[in-house]
Amino acid sequence: MFIVMSIIAAGCKPQAQPQPQPRLTGKPIDEVLKENTPHLMSIAGVVGTAIGDCSGNPCIKVLVAKKTDILRQQIPSMLETWQVEIIESGEVKPMK
């Protein structure tokens, strides 16, 4: 039994994990998000903002009802030193 498990384990190759990228110094991500959320939410089609993960690094997520070329042009790819990712989430409605 041990020999079989050793052979099986030896055949498994670990997958490469994304390495965190070095970041320029700057404001903490939560502060940057707080400062920029009012402007981002004023863009038609933006339904929310959040802190998330992009390839193993913290990033700012901008949730949109529908990802369009116009929104891609209006939403920056970076805020301060933080990457921004646009996520199509659909409409967000309050719970009843």
Protein backbone atom coordinates (compact mmCIF):
# COMPACT_ATOMS: atom_id res chain seq x y z
CA MET A 1 0.00 0.00 0.00
CA PHE A 2 2.80 2.42 0.94
CA ILE A 3 4.66 1.71 -2.32
CA VAL A 4 1.57 2.42 -4.43
CA MET A 5 0.90 5.70 -2.63
CA SER A 6 4.55 6.72 -3.02
CA ILE A 7 4.41 6.10 -6.75
CA ILE A 8 1.16 8.04 -7.08
CA ALA A 9 2.52 10.93 -5.02
CA ALA A 10 5.75 10.97 -7.03
CA GLY A 11 3.75 11.34 -10.25
CA CYS A 12 1.92 14.43 -9.03
CA LYS A 13 3.58 17.69 -9.95
CA PRO A 14 2.84 20.76 -7.84
CA GLN A 15 1.30 23.60 -9.78
CA ALA A 16 3.24 26.84 -9.90
CA GLN A 17 1.72 29.42 -7.56
CA PRO A 18 1.58 33.03 -8.71
CA GLN A 19 4.23 35.07 -6.98
CA PRO A 20 3.18 38.32 -5.33
CA GLN A 21 4.49 41.28 -7.27
CA PRO A 22 6.49 43.97 -5.50
CA ARG A 23 4.45 47.13 -5.00
CA LEU A 24 5.51 50.72 -4.93
CA THR A 25 5.05 52.36 -1.58
CA GLY A 26 1.90 54.37 -1.15
CA LYS A 27 -1.39 54.54 0.68
CA PRO A 28 -3.00 51.38 2.07
CA ILE A 29 -5.48 49.79 -0.33
CA ASP A 30 -8.48 50.37 1.99
CA GLU A 31 -7.69 54.11 2.12
CA VAL A 32 -7.35 54.33 -1.68
CA LEU A 33 -10.65 52.47 -2.13
CA LYS A 34 -12.44 54.73 0.35
CA GLU A 35 -11.16 57.87 -1.37
CA ASN A 36 -12.04 56.67 -4.89
CA THR A 37 -15.36 54.87 -4.33
CA PRO A 38 -17.55 58.01 -4.60
CA HIS A 39 -16.10 58.83 -8.04
CA LEU A 40 -16.26 55.22 -9.24
CA MET A 41 -19.88 54.87 -8.08
CA SER A 42 -20.79 58.04 -9.99
CA ILE A 43 -19.92 56.28 -13.28
CA ALA A 44 -23.09 54.98 -14.95
CA GLY A 45 -23.07 51.17 -14.83
CA VAL A 46 -20.84 50.79 -11.75
CA VAL A 47 -22.72 48.91 -9.03
CA GLY A 48 -20.03 48.42 -6.39
CA THR A 49 -16.39 48.41 -5.32
CA ALA A 50 -14.37 46.00 -3.22
CA ILE A 51 -10.91 44.82 -2.26
CA GLY A 52 -10.04 41.52 -3.86
CA ASP A 53 -7.21 39.36 -5.11
CA CYS A 54 -5.54 39.61 -8.53
CA SER A 55 -2.92 36.90 -9.17
CA GLY A 56 -2.00 36.65 -5.50
CA ASN A 57 -1.90 40.41 -4.90
CA PRO A 58 -4.49 42.67 -3.28
CA CYS A 59 -6.34 44.78 -5.83
CA ILE A 60 -9.40 46.98 -6.21
CA LYS A 61 -12.41 45.37 -7.86
CA VAL A 62 -14.99 47.53 -9.61
CA LEU A 63 -18.30 45.72 -10.09
CA VAL A 64 -20.34 46.71 -13.12
CA ALA A 65 -23.77 45.69 -14.34
CA LYS A 66 -22.35 44.96 -17.81
CA LYS A 67 -18.74 45.29 -18.92
CA THR A 68 -18.62 47.65 -21.91
CA ASP A 69 -15.89 49.42 -23.86
CA ILE A 70 -17.13 52.75 -22.49
CA LEU A 71 -16.72 51.52 -18.90
CA ARG A 72 -13.28 50.11 -19.69
CA GLN A 73 -12.29 53.60 -20.85
CA GLN A 74 -13.79 55.37 -17.82
CA ILE A 75 -12.41 53.07 -15.10
CA PRO A 76 -8.65 53.36 -14.56
CA SER A 77 -6.49 50.24 -14.59
CA MET A 78 -4.58 51.54 -11.55
CA LEU A 79 -5.55 53.68 -8.56
CA GLU A 80 -2.46 55.06 -6.83
CA THR A 81 -0.24 51.94 -6.78
CA TRP A 82 -3.09 49.41 -6.78
CA GLN A 83 -4.29 47.36 -9.76
CA VAL A 84 -7.98 47.72 -10.68
CA GLU A 85 -10.01 44.87 -12.13
CA ILE A 86 -13.48 45.29 -13.66
CA ILE A 87 -15.92 42.50 -12.77
CA GLU A 88 -19.25 42.06 -14.54
CA SER A 89 -21.65 41.23 -11.73
CA GLY A 90 -25.01 42.15 -13.22
CA GLU A 91 -27.49 44.48 -11.57
CA VAL A 92 -27.36 44.71 -7.79
CA LYS A 93 -30.75 44.99 -6.09
CA PRO A 94 -31.54 45.50 -2.42
CA MET A 95 -32.89 42.49 -0.53
CA LYS A 96 -36.51 42.68 0.56
